[in-house]
PDB file of N, CA and C in Angstrom:
ATOM      1  N   MET A   1      41.467  43.376 -26.145  1.00  0.00           N
ATOM      2  CA  MET A   1      40.923  44.316 -27.118  1.00  0.00           C
ATOM      3  C   MET A   1      40.840  45.694 -26.451  1.00  0.00           C
ATOM      4  N   THR A   2      40.690  46.727 -27.270  1.00  0.00           N
ATOM      5  CA  THR A   2      40.707  48.106 -26.784  1.00  0.00           C
ATOM      6  C   THR A   2      39.483  48.870 -27.295  1.00  0.00           C
ATOM      7  N   PHE A   3      39.334  50.101 -26.766  1.00  0.00           N
ATOM      8  CA  PHE A   3      38.278  50.988 -27.270  1.00  0.00           C
ATOM      9  C   PHE A   3      38.428  51.189 -28.779  1.00  0.00           C
ATOM     10  N   GLN A   4      39.663  51.306 -29.244  1.00  0.00           N
ATOM     11  CA  GLN A   4      39.895  51.514 -30.681  1.00  0.00           C
ATOM     12  C   GLN A   4      39.406  50.305 -31.490  1.00  0.00           C
ATOM     13  N   ASP A   5      39.574  49.103 -30.940  1.00  0.00           N
ATOM     14  CA  ASP A   5      39.069  47.909 -31.625  1.00  0.00           C
ATOM     15  C   ASP A   5      37.544  47.927 -31.683  1.00  0.00           C
ATOM     16  N   VAL A   6      36.907  48.283 -30.569  1.00  0.00           N
ATOM     17  CA  VAL A   6      35.443  48.385 -30.548  1.00  0.00           C
ATOM     18  C   VAL A   6      34.995  49.399 -31.591  1.00  0.00           C
ATOM     19  N   ARG A   7      35.615  50.552 -31.596  1.00  0.00           N
ATOM     20  CA  ARG A   7      35.258  51.626 -32.546  1.00  0.00           C
ATOM     21  C   ARG A   7      35.397  51.125 -33.991  1.00  0.00           C
ATOM     22  N   ARG A   8      36.522  50.507 -34.310  1.00  0.00           N
ATOM     23  CA  ARG A   8      36.778  50.032 -35.672  1.00  0.00           C
ATOM     24  C   ARG A   8      35.735  49.001 -36.098  1.00  0.00           C
ATOM     25  N   ILE A   9      35.495  47.996 -35.268  1.00  0.00           N
ATOM     26  CA  ILE A   9      34.554  46.934 -35.615  1.00  0.00           C
ATOM     27  C   ILE A   9      33.130  47.477 -35.697  1.00  0.00           C
ATOM     28  N   ALA A  10      32.723  48.287 -34.737  1.00  0.00           N
ATOM     29  CA  ALA A  10      31.359  48.835 -34.735  1.00  0.00           C
ATOM     30  C   ALA A  10      31.101  49.672 -35.979  1.00  0.00           C
ATOM     31  N   LEU A  11      32.081  50.483 -36.359  1.00  0.00           N
ATOM     32  CA  LEU A  11      31.870  51.374 -37.505  1.00  0.00           C
ATOM     33  C   LEU A  11      31.958  50.658 -38.845  1.00  0.00           C
ATOM     34  N   GLU A  12      32.392  49.410 -38.844  1.00  0.00           N
ATOM     35  CA  GLU A  12      32.370  48.599 -40.064  1.00  0.00           C
ATOM     36  C   GLU A  12      30.965  48.077 -40.362  1.00  0.00           C
ATOM     37  N   LEU A  13      30.084  48.096 -39.379  1.00  0.00           N
ATOM     38  CA  LEU A  13      28.730  47.582 -39.565  1.00  0.00           C
ATOM     39  C   LEU A  13      27.888  48.579 -40.355  1.00  0.00           C
ATOM     40  N   PRO A  14      27.029  48.108 -41.244  1.00  0.00           N
ATOM     41  CA  PRO A  14      26.248  48.994 -42.110  1.00  0.00           C
ATOM     42  C   PRO A  14      25.423  50.014 -41.326  1.00  0.00           C
ATOM     43  N   GLY A  15      25.529  51.258 -41.734  1.00  0.00           N
ATOM     44  CA  GLY A  15      24.725  52.321 -41.136  1.00  0.00           C
ATOM     45  C   GLY A  15      25.163  52.747 -39.747  1.00  0.00           C
ATOM     46  N   ALA A  16      26.251  52.183 -39.230  1.00  0.00           N
ATOM     47  CA  ALA A  16      26.696  52.522 -37.877  1.00  0.00           C
ATOM     48  C   ALA A  16      27.345  53.898 -37.852  1.00  0.00           C
ATOM     49  N   ALA A  17      27.097  54.612 -36.755  1.00  0.00           N
ATOM     50  CA  ALA A  17      27.683  55.938 -36.557  1.00  0.00           C
ATOM     51  C   ALA A  17      28.066  56.088 -35.093  1.00  0.00           C
ATOM     52  N   GLU A  18      29.117  56.843 -34.856  1.00  0.00           N
ATOM     53  CA  GLU A  18      29.515  57.122 -33.483  1.00  0.00           C
ATOM     54  C   GLU A  18      28.916  58.449 -33.053  1.00  0.00           C
ATOM     55  N   LYS A  19      28.314  58.448 -31.883  1.00  0.00           N
ATOM     56  CA  LYS A  19      27.760  59.658 -31.285  1.00  0.00           C
ATOM     57  C   LYS A  19      28.145  59.675 -29.818  1.00  0.00           C
ATOM     58  N   SER A  20      27.373  60.361 -28.999  1.00  0.00           N
ATOM     59  CA  SER A  20      27.684  60.444 -27.579  1.00  0.00           C
ATOM     60  C   SER A  20      26.414  60.247 -26.769  1.00  0.00           C
ATOM     61  N   HIS A  21      26.550  59.517 -25.658  1.00  0.00           N
ATOM     62  CA  HIS A  21      25.436  59.232 -24.756  1.00  0.00           C
ATOM     63  C   HIS A  21      25.924  59.536 -23.347  1.00  0.00           C
ATOM     64  N   PHE A  22      25.375  60.566 -22.722  1.00  0.00           N
ATOM     65  CA  PHE A  22      25.836  61.005 -21.399  1.00  0.00           C
ATOM     66  C   PHE A  22      27.351  61.235 -21.395  1.00  0.00           C
ATOM     67  N   ASP A  23      27.831  61.911 -22.433  1.00  0.00           N
ATOM     68  CA  ASP A  23      29.248  62.248 -22.600  1.00  0.00           C
ATOM     69  C   ASP A  23      30.162  61.042 -22.749  1.00  0.00           C
ATOM     70  N   LYS A  24      29.619  59.896 -23.129  1.00  0.00           N
ATOM     71  CA  LYS A  24      30.396  58.685 -23.395  1.00  0.00           C
ATOM     72  C   LYS A  24      30.176  58.302 -24.857  1.00  0.00           C
ATOM     73  N   PRO A  25      31.219  57.827 -25.538  1.00  0.00           N
ATOM     74  CA  PRO A  25      31.031  57.399 -26.926  1.00  0.00           C
ATOM     75  C   PRO A  25      30.002  56.271 -27.014  1.00  0.00           C
ATOM     76  N   ASP A  26      29.157  56.353 -28.027  1.00  0.00           N
ATOM     77  CA  ASP A  26      28.253  55.243 -28.291  1.00  0.00           C
ATOM     78  C   ASP A  26      28.188  55.000 -29.784  1.00  0.00           C
ATOM     79  N   PHE A  27      27.613  53.863 -30.138  1.00  0.00           N
ATOM     80  CA  PHE A  27      27.496  53.469 -31.537  1.00  0.00           C
ATOM     81  C   PHE A  27      26.041  53.169 -31.805  1.00  0.00           C
ATOM     82  N   ARG A  28      25.557  53.742 -32.906  1.00  0.00           N
ATOM     83  CA  ARG A  28      24.134  53.675 -33.231  1.00  0.00           C
ATOM     84  C   ARG A  28      23.942  53.237 -34.670  1.00  0.00           C
ATOM     85  N   VAL A  29      22.783  52.666 -34.894  1.00  0.00           N
ATOM     86  CA  VAL A  29      22.330  52.389 -36.238  1.00  0.00           C
ATOM     87  C   VAL A  29      20.943  53.013 -36.334  1.00  0.00           C
ATOM     88  N   ARG A  30      20.786  53.927 -37.283  1.00  0.00           N
ATOM     89  CA  ARG A  30      19.539  54.688 -37.442  1.00  0.00           C
ATOM     90  C   ARG A  30      19.100  55.288 -36.108  1.00  0.00           C
ATOM     91  N   ASP A  31      20.043  55.855 -35.388  1.00  0.00           N
ATOM     92  CA  ASP A  31      19.855  56.567 -34.128  1.00  0.00           C
ATOM     93  C   ASP A  31      19.437  55.669 -32.955  1.00  0.00           C
ATOM     94  N   ARG A  32      19.622  54.366 -33.090  1.00  0.00           N
ATOM     95  CA  ARG A  32      19.348  53.432 -31.991  1.00  0.00           C
ATOM     96  C   ARG A  32      20.682  52.896 -31.473  1.00  0.00           C
ATOM     97  N   VAL A  33      20.935  53.083 -30.193  1.00  0.00           N
ATOM     98  CA  VAL A  33      22.206  52.689 -29.580  1.00  0.00           C
ATOM     99  C   VAL A  33      22.310  51.164 -29.527  1.00  0.00           C
ATOM    100  N   PHE A  34      23.467  50.645 -29.986  1.00  0.00           N
ATOM    101  CA  PHE A  34      23.718  49.210 -29.856  1.00  0.00           C
ATOM    102  C   PHE A  34      24.971  48.916 -29.036  1.00  0.00           C
ATOM    103  N   ALA A  35      25.807  49.932 -28.767  1.00  0.00           N
ATOM    104  CA  ALA A  35      26.996  49.730 -27.934  1.00  0.00           C
ATOM    105  C   ALA A  35      27.445  51.069 -27.361  1.00  0.00           C
ATOM    106  N   THR A  36      28.057  51.013 -26.183  1.00  0.00           N
ATOM    107  CA  THR A  36      28.616  52.214 -25.561  1.00  0.00           C
ATOM    108  C   THR A  36      29.999  51.887 -25.012  1.00  0.00           C
ATOM    109  N   LEU A  37      30.752  52.942 -24.758  1.00  0.00           N
ATOM    110  CA  LEU A  37      32.082  52.812 -24.166  1.00  0.00           C
ATOM    111  C   LEU A  37      32.129  53.617 -22.872  1.00  0.00           C
ATOM    112  N   PRO A  38      31.756  53.009 -21.757  1.00  0.00           N
ATOM    113  CA  PRO A  38      31.848  53.717 -20.477  1.00  0.00           C
ATOM    114  C   PRO A  38      33.311  53.898 -20.085  1.00  0.00           C
ATOM    115  N   GLU A  39      33.564  54.590 -19.006  1.00  0.00           N
ATOM    116  CA  GLU A  39      34.931  54.916 -18.618  1.00  0.00           C
ATOM    117  C   GLU A  39      35.700  53.771 -17.979  1.00  0.00           C
ATOM    118  N   ASP A  40      35.081  52.626 -17.751  1.00  0.00           N
ATOM    119  CA  ASP A  40      35.747  51.556 -17.011  1.00  0.00           C
ATOM    120  C   ASP A  40      36.675  50.683 -17.850  1.00  0.00           C
ATOM    121  N   GLY A  41      36.862  51.016 -19.118  1.00  0.00           N
ATOM    122  CA  GLY A  41      37.761  50.236 -19.959  1.00  0.00           C
ATOM    123  C   GLY A  41      37.108  49.045 -20.629  1.00  0.00           C
ATOM    124  N   ASN A  42      35.805  48.929 -20.519  1.00  0.00           N
ATOM    125  CA  ASN A  42      35.057  47.845 -21.146  1.00  0.00           C
ATOM    126  C   ASN A  42      34.005  48.429 -22.069  1.00  0.00           C
ATOM    127  N   ALA A  43      33.322  47.562 -22.797  1.00  0.00           N
ATOM    128  CA  ALA A  43      32.228  47.993 -23.665  1.00  0.00           C
ATOM    129  C   ALA A  43      30.917  47.501 -23.075  1.00  0.00           C
ATOM    130  N   VAL A  44      29.823  48.114 -23.490  1.00  0.00           N
ATOM    131  CA  VAL A  44      28.479  47.668 -23.109  1.00  0.00           C
ATOM    132  C   VAL A  44      27.703  47.513 -24.409  1.00  0.00           C
ATOM    133  N   ILE A  45      27.019  46.364 -24.541  1.00  0.00           N
ATOM    134  CA  ILE A  45      26.265  46.082 -25.764  1.00  0.00           C
ATOM    135  C   ILE A  45      24.812  45.762 -25.448  1.00  0.00           C
ATOM    136  N   LYS A  46      23.952  45.964 -26.442  1.00  0.00           N
ATOM    137  CA  LYS A  46      22.522  45.706 -26.287  1.00  0.00           C
ATOM    138  C   LYS A  46      22.201  44.298 -26.777  1.00  0.00           C
ATOM    139  N   LEU A  47      21.810  43.443 -25.839  1.00  0.00           N
ATOM    140  CA  LEU A  47      21.395  42.091 -26.161  1.00  0.00           C
ATOM    141  C   LEU A  47      19.957  41.869 -25.706  1.00  0.00           C
ATOM    142  N   THR A  48      19.347  40.812 -26.188  1.00  0.00           N
ATOM    143  CA  THR A  48      18.084  40.385 -25.605  1.00  0.00           C
ATOM    144  C   THR A  48      18.433  39.657 -24.309  1.00  0.00           C
ATOM    145  N   ARG A  49      17.456  39.450 -23.461  1.00  0.00           N
ATOM    146  CA  ARG A  49      17.715  38.716 -22.206  1.00  0.00           C
ATOM    147  C   ARG A  49      18.202  37.300 -22.500  1.00  0.00           C
ATOM    148  N   ASP A  50      17.621  36.630 -23.492  1.00  0.00           N
ATOM    149  CA  ASP A  50      18.048  35.272 -23.836  1.00  0.00           C
ATOM    150  C   ASP A  50      19.497  35.262 -24.328  1.00  0.00           C
ATOM    151  N   GLN A  51      19.847  36.212 -25.186  1.00  0.00           N
ATOM    152  CA  GLN A  51      21.228  36.306 -25.671  1.00  0.00           C
ATOM    153  C   GLN A  51      22.178  36.570 -24.512  1.00  0.00           C
ATOM    154  N   GLN A  52      21.777  37.473 -23.629  1.00  0.00           N
ATOM    155  CA  GLN A  52      22.603  37.814 -22.476  1.00  0.00           C
ATOM    156  C   GLN A  52      22.850  36.588 -21.601  1.00  0.00           C
ATOM    157  N   GLU A  53      21.799  35.861 -21.288  1.00  0.00           N
ATOM    158  CA  GLU A  53      21.932  34.671 -20.448  1.00  0.00           C
ATOM    159  C   GLU A  53      22.854  33.644 -21.093  1.00  0.00           C
ATOM    160  N   MET A  54      22.707  33.431 -22.400  1.00  0.00           N
ATOM    161  CA  MET A  54      23.523  32.465 -23.105  1.00  0.00           C
ATOM    162  C   MET A  54      24.999  32.886 -23.111  1.00  0.00           C
ATOM    163  N   MET A  55      25.265  34.141 -23.468  1.00  0.00           N
ATOM    164  CA  MET A  55      26.653  34.605 -23.553  1.00  0.00           C
ATOM    165  C   MET A  55      27.326  34.645 -22.178  1.00  0.00           C
ATOM    166  N   CYS A  56      26.598  35.103 -21.175  1.00  0.00           N
ATOM    167  CA  CYS A  56      27.168  35.168 -19.820  1.00  0.00           C
ATOM    168  C   CYS A  56      27.452  33.774 -19.274  1.00  0.00           C
ATOM    169  N   ALA A  57      26.605  32.813 -19.589  1.00  0.00           N
ATOM    170  CA  ALA A  57      26.828  31.437 -19.130  1.00  0.00           C
ATOM    171  C   ALA A  57      27.991  30.787 -19.878  1.00  0.00           C
ATOM    172  N   ALA A  58      28.087  31.059 -21.176  1.00  0.00           N
ATOM    173  CA  ALA A  58      29.133  30.434 -21.992  1.00  0.00           C
ATOM    174  C   ALA A  58      30.509  31.041 -21.742  1.00  0.00           C
ATOM    175  N   GLU A  59      30.571  32.350 -21.515  1.00  0.00           N
ATOM    176  CA  GLU A  59      31.845  33.062 -21.359  1.00  0.00           C
ATOM    177  C   GLU A  59      31.766  34.052 -20.197  1.00  0.00           C
ATOM    178  N   PRO A  60      31.670  33.564 -18.942  1.00  0.00           N
ATOM    179  CA  PRO A  60      31.490  34.476 -17.805  1.00  0.00           C
ATOM    180  C   PRO A  60      32.665  35.421 -17.557  1.00  0.00           C
ATOM    181  N   ALA A  61      33.836  35.103 -18.055  1.00  0.00           N
ATOM    182  CA  ALA A  61      34.977  36.013 -17.900  1.00  0.00           C
ATOM    183  C   ALA A  61      34.882  37.188 -18.871  1.00  0.00           C
ATOM    184  N   ILE A  62      34.079  37.038 -19.923  1.00  0.00           N
ATOM    185  CA  ILE A  62      33.961  38.086 -20.958  1.00  0.00           C
ATOM    186  C   ILE A  62      32.671  38.879 -20.813  1.00  0.00           C
ATOM    187  N   PHE A  63      31.557  38.212 -20.583  1.00  0.00           N
ATOM    188  CA  PHE A  63      30.242  38.864 -20.578  1.00  0.00           C
ATOM    189  C   PHE A  63      29.641  38.864 -19.183  1.00  0.00           C
ATOM    190  N   ARG A  64      29.125  40.044 -18.776  1.00  0.00           N
ATOM    191  CA  ARG A  64      28.455  40.194 -17.485  1.00  0.00           C
ATOM    192  C   ARG A  64      27.298  41.177 -17.646  1.00  0.00           C
ATOM    193  N   PRO A  65      26.141  40.878 -17.062  1.00  0.00           N
ATOM    194  CA  PRO A  65      25.041  41.851 -17.136  1.00  0.00           C
ATOM    195  C   PRO A  65      25.451  43.162 -16.464  1.00  0.00           C
ATOM    196  N   VAL A  66      25.005  44.263 -17.015  1.00  0.00           N
ATOM    197  CA  VAL A  66      25.187  45.559 -16.376  1.00  0.00           C
ATOM    198  C   VAL A  66      24.384  45.527 -15.082  1.00  0.00           C
ATOM    199  N   ASP A  67      24.881  46.160 -14.049  1.00  0.00           N
ATOM    200  CA  ASP A  67      24.168  46.202 -12.766  1.00  0.00           C
ATOM    201  C   ASP A  67      22.822  46.906 -12.908  1.00  0.00           C
ATOM    202  N   GLY A  68      21.870  46.475 -12.113  1.00  0.00           N
ATOM    203  CA  GLY A  68      20.582  47.162 -12.011  1.00  0.00           C
ATOM    204  C   GLY A  68      19.636  46.894 -13.154  1.00  0.00           C
ATOM    205  N   GLY A  69      18.737  47.849 -13.340  1.00  0.00           N
ATOM    206  CA  GLY A  69      17.661  47.715 -14.321  1.00  0.00           C
ATOM    207  C   GLY A  69      18.122  47.610 -15.758  1.00  0.00           C
ATOM    208  N   TRP A  70      19.205  48.281 -16.108  1.00  0.00           N
ATOM    209  CA  TRP A  70      19.699  48.208 -17.486  1.00  0.00           C
ATOM    210  C   TRP A  70      20.120  46.779 -17.820  1.00  0.00           C
ATOM    211  N   GLY A  71      20.761  46.114 -16.875  1.00  0.00           N
ATOM    212  CA  GLY A  71      21.160  44.727 -17.091  1.00  0.00           C
ATOM    213  C   GLY A  71      19.959  43.820 -17.272  1.00  0.00           C
ATOM    214  N   LYS A  72      18.874  44.110 -16.568  1.00  0.00           N
ATOM    215  CA  LYS A  72      17.654  43.306 -16.701  1.00  0.00           C
ATOM    216  C   LYS A  72      16.982  43.520 -18.054  1.00  0.00           C
ATOM    217  N   GLN A  73      17.382  44.580 -18.747  1.00  0.00           N
ATOM    218  CA  GLN A  73      16.865  44.843 -20.095  1.00  0.00           C
ATOM    219  C   GLN A  73      17.779  44.268 -21.168  1.00  0.00           C
ATOM    220  N   GLY A  74      18.856  43.588 -20.753  1.00  0.00           N
ATOM    221  CA  GLY A  74      19.751  42.942 -21.715  1.00  0.00           C
ATOM    222  C   GLY A  74      21.085  43.643 -21.931  1.00  0.00           C
ATOM    223  N   TRP A  75      21.255  44.834 -21.370  1.00  0.00           N
ATOM    224  CA  TRP A  75      22.525  45.533 -21.551  1.00  0.00           C
ATOM    225  C   TRP A  75      23.620  44.750 -20.841  1.00  0.00           C
ATOM    226  N   THR A  76      24.692  44.476 -21.576  1.00  0.00           N
ATOM    227  CA  THR A  76      25.714  43.534 -21.131  1.00  0.00           C
ATOM    228  C   THR A  76      27.106  44.132 -21.268  1.00  0.00           C
ATOM    229  N   ARG A  77      27.891  43.978 -20.216  1.00  0.00           N
ATOM    230  CA  ARG A  77      29.270  44.457 -20.202  1.00  0.00           C
ATOM    231  C   ARG A  77      30.169  43.430 -20.896  1.00  0.00           C
ATOM    232  N   VAL A  78      31.064  43.913 -21.763  1.00  0.00           N
ATOM    233  CA  VAL A  78      32.054  43.073 -22.438  1.00  0.00           C
ATOM    234  C   VAL A  78      33.421  43.435 -21.861  1.00  0.00           C
ATOM    235  N   MET A  79      34.049  42.482 -21.214  1.00  0.00           N
ATOM    236  CA  MET A  79      35.349  42.707 -20.593  1.00  0.00           C
ATOM    237  C   MET A  79      36.409  42.645 -21.696  1.00  0.00           C
ATOM    238  N   LEU A  80      36.832  43.804 -22.174  1.00  0.00           N
ATOM    239  CA  LEU A  80      37.695  43.879 -23.344  1.00  0.00           C
ATOM    240  C   LEU A  80      39.043  43.199 -23.141  1.00  0.00           C
ATOM    241  N   ALA A  81      39.587  43.242 -21.943  1.00  0.00           N
ATOM    242  CA  ALA A  81      40.889  42.614 -21.688  1.00  0.00           C
ATOM    243  C   ALA A  81      40.818  41.094 -21.804  1.00  0.00           C
ATOM    244  N   GLU A  82      39.618  40.536 -21.702  1.00  0.00           N
ATOM    245  CA  GLU A  82      39.445  39.082 -21.702  1.00  0.00           C
ATOM    246  C   GLU A  82      39.009  38.516 -23.053  1.00  0.00           C
ATOM    247  N   THR A  83      38.641  39.372 -23.990  1.00  0.00           N
ATOM    248  CA  THR A  83      38.056  38.872 -25.234  1.00  0.00           C
ATOM    249  C   THR A  83      39.053  38.916 -26.387  1.00  0.00           C
ATOM    250  N   ASP A  84      38.671  38.277 -27.478  1.00  0.00           N
ATOM    251  CA  ASP A  84      39.469  38.328 -28.703  1.00  0.00           C
ATOM    252  C   ASP A  84      38.628  38.977 -29.801  1.00  0.00           C
ATOM    253  N   GLU A  85      39.236  39.215 -30.947  1.00  0.00           N
ATOM    254  CA  GLU A  85      38.533  39.935 -32.003  1.00  0.00           C
ATOM    255  C   GLU A  85      37.318  39.174 -32.531  1.00  0.00           C
ATOM    256  N   LYS A  86      37.421  37.878 -32.684  1.00  0.00           N
ATOM    257  CA  LYS A  86      36.294  37.103 -33.205  1.00  0.00           C
ATOM    258  C   LYS A  86      35.082  37.208 -32.274  1.00  0.00           C
ATOM    259  N   THR A  87      35.310  37.071 -30.979  1.00  0.00           N
ATOM    260  CA  THR A  87      34.218  37.147 -30.001  1.00  0.00           C
ATOM    261  C   THR A  87      33.636  38.550 -29.947  1.00  0.00           C
ATOM    262  N   LEU A  88      34.506  39.563 -29.948  1.00  0.00           N
ATOM    263  CA  LEU A  88      34.045  40.950 -29.919  1.00  0.00           C
ATOM    264  C   LEU A  88      33.238  41.275 -31.169  1.00  0.00           C
ATOM    265  N   ARG A  89      33.726  40.857 -32.328  1.00  0.00           N
ATOM    266  CA  ARG A  89      33.008  41.123 -33.583  1.00  0.00           C
ATOM    267  C   ARG A  89      31.632  40.454 -33.565  1.00  0.00           C
ATOM    268  N   SER A  90      31.559  39.223 -33.099  1.00  0.00           N
ATOM    269  CA  SER A  90      30.285  38.510 -33.027  1.00  0.00           C
ATOM    270  C   SER A  90      29.321  39.212 -32.079  1.00  0.00           C
ATOM    271  N   ALA A  91      29.814  39.640 -30.915  1.00  0.00           N
ATOM    272  CA  ALA A  91      28.964  40.318 -29.928  1.00  0.00           C
ATOM    273  C   ALA A  91      28.453  41.652 -30.468  1.00  0.00           C
ATOM    274  N   LEU A  92      29.330  42.428 -31.089  1.00  0.00           N
ATOM    275  CA  LEU A  92      28.914  43.725 -31.647  1.00  0.00           C
ATOM    276  C   LEU A  92      27.919  43.534 -32.798  1.00  0.00           C
ATOM    277  N   THR A  93      28.137  42.518 -33.612  1.00  0.00           N
ATOM    278  CA  THR A  93      27.212  42.251 -34.719  1.00  0.00           C
ATOM    279  C   THR A  93      25.842  41.848 -34.182  1.00  0.00           C
ATOM    280  N   THR A  94      25.825  41.044 -33.141  1.00  0.00           N
ATOM    281  CA  THR A  94      24.552  40.653 -32.515  1.00  0.00           C
ATOM    282  C   THR A  94      23.834  41.881 -31.970  1.00  0.00           C
ATOM    283  N   ALA A  95      24.566  42.742 -31.272  1.00  0.00           N
ATOM    284  CA  ALA A  95      23.970  43.968 -30.721  1.00  0.00           C
ATOM    285  C   ALA A  95      23.454  44.867 -31.846  1.00  0.00           C
ATOM    286  N   TRP A  96      24.220  44.985 -32.920  1.00  0.00           N
ATOM    287  CA  TRP A  96      23.805  45.787 -34.079  1.00  0.00           C
ATOM    288  C   TRP A  96      22.498  45.235 -34.654  1.00  0.00           C
ATOM    289  N   ARG A  97      22.427  43.915 -34.816  1.00  0.00           N
ATOM    290  CA  ARG A  97      21.211  43.293 -35.359  1.00  0.00           C
ATOM    291  C   ARG A  97      20.002  43.553 -34.461  1.00  0.00           C
ATOM    292  N   ASN A  98      20.233  43.628 -33.161  1.00  0.00           N
ATOM    293  CA  ASN A  98      19.129  43.890 -32.234  1.00  0.00           C
ATOM    294  C   ASN A  98      18.586  45.308 -32.379  1.00  0.00           C
ATOM    295  N   SER A  99      19.366  46.203 -32.943  1.00  0.00           N
ATOM    296  CA  SER A  99      18.957  47.606 -33.066  1.00  0.00           C
ATOM    297  C   SER A  99      18.630  48.033 -34.488  1.00  0.00           C
ATOM    298  N   ALA A 100      19.183  47.359 -35.463  1.00  0.00           N
ATOM    299  CA  ALA A 100      19.018  47.764 -36.868  1.00  0.00           C
ATOM    300  C   ALA A 100      17.612  47.461 -37.370  1.00  0.00           C
ATOM    301  N   PRO A 101      17.105  48.318 -38.261  1.00  0.00           N
ATOM    302  CA  PRO A 101      15.804  48.022 -38.878  1.00  0.00           C
ATOM    303  C   PRO A 101      15.907  46.761 -39.748  1.00  0.00           C
ATOM    304  N   ILE A 102      14.800  46.092 -39.915  1.00  0.00           N
ATOM    305  CA  ILE A 102      14.782  44.804 -40.622  1.00  0.00           C
ATOM    306  C   ILE A 102      15.339  44.915 -42.043  1.00  0.00           C
ATOM    307  N   THR A 103      15.044  45.997 -42.739  1.00  0.00           N
ATOM    308  CA  THR A 103      15.539  46.138 -44.114  1.00  0.00           C
ATOM    309  C   THR A 103      17.072  46.180 -44.141  1.00  0.00           C
ATOM    310  N   LEU A 104      17.683  46.863 -43.199  1.00  0.00           N
ATOM    311  CA  LEU A 104      19.136  46.936 -43.136  1.00  0.00           C
ATOM    312  C   LEU A 104      19.725  45.585 -42.725  1.00  0.00           C
ATOM    313  N   ARG A 105      19.080  44.900 -41.780  1.00  0.00           N
ATOM    314  CA  ARG A 105      19.540  43.569 -41.366  1.00  0.00           C
ATOM    315  C   ARG A 105      19.500  42.598 -42.543  1.00  0.00           C
ATOM    316  N   LYS A 106      18.412  42.629 -43.310  1.00  0.00           N
ATOM    317  CA  LYS A 106      18.281  41.724 -44.452  1.00  0.00           C
ATOM    318  C   LYS A 106      19.364  42.014 -45.504  1.00  0.00           C
ATOM    319  N   ALA A 107      19.626  43.291 -45.776  1.00  0.00           N
ATOM    320  CA  ALA A 107      20.658  43.654 -46.743  1.00  0.00           C
ATOM    321  C   ALA A 107      22.027  43.182 -46.257  1.00  0.00           C
ATOM    322  N   PHE A 108      22.290  43.318 -44.978  1.00  0.00           N
ATOM    323  CA  PHE A 108      23.563  42.880 -44.399  1.00  0.00           C
ATOM    324  C   PHE A 108      23.700  41.369 -44.485  1.00  0.00           C
ATOM    325  N   ASP A 109      22.636  40.639 -44.181  1.00  0.00           N
ATOM    326  CA  ASP A 109      22.674  39.184 -44.242  1.00  0.00           C
ATOM    327  C   ASP A 109      22.881  38.691 -45.672  1.00  0.00           C
ATOM    328  N   LEU A 110      22.268  39.376 -46.648  1.00  0.00           N
ATOM    329  CA  LEU A 110      22.443  39.006 -48.042  1.00  0.00           C
ATOM    330  C   LEU A 110      23.874  39.270 -48.507  1.00  0.00           C
ATOM    331  N   ALA A 111      24.524  40.262 -47.891  1.00  0.00           N
ATOM    332  CA  ALA A 111      25.891  40.597 -48.253  1.00  0.00           C
ATOM    333  C   ALA A 111      26.902  39.666 -47.577  1.00  0.00           C
ATOM    334  N   GLY A 112      26.409  38.738 -46.785  1.00  0.00           N
ATOM    335  CA  GLY A 112      27.301  37.776 -46.140  1.00  0.00           C
ATOM    336  C   GLY A 112      27.826  38.222 -44.810  1.00  0.00           C
ATOM    337  N   GLY A 113      27.143  39.188 -44.148  1.00  0.00           N
ATOM    338  CA  GLY A 113      27.618  39.704 -42.860  1.00  0.00           C
ATOM    339  C   GLY A 113      27.200  38.908 -41.687  1.00  0.00           C
TER     340      GLY A 113
END
């Protein structure tokens, strides 16, 4: 997968917008960051610690905690060269749900998202 795939999938999520965080593209819902595109060719997504542990254990070639304190807060690197669209879409949707307000999450779930 590529940055363009991340951008396309992220912007399909309700209320998502692309902005910039420390001069790097990021994706937000109601001004809360749920994914970023650092310069290393991978994506970073916002997960809970439990989600991070589960995804990293299940797919260690795809998911890795970000180094340092950010990783301890659930921020997780997605190795784009190793993933497929279904996995990337699921990960981005999970990150979006972690950041979206409850009313938007409920509307998305009712719409079959």
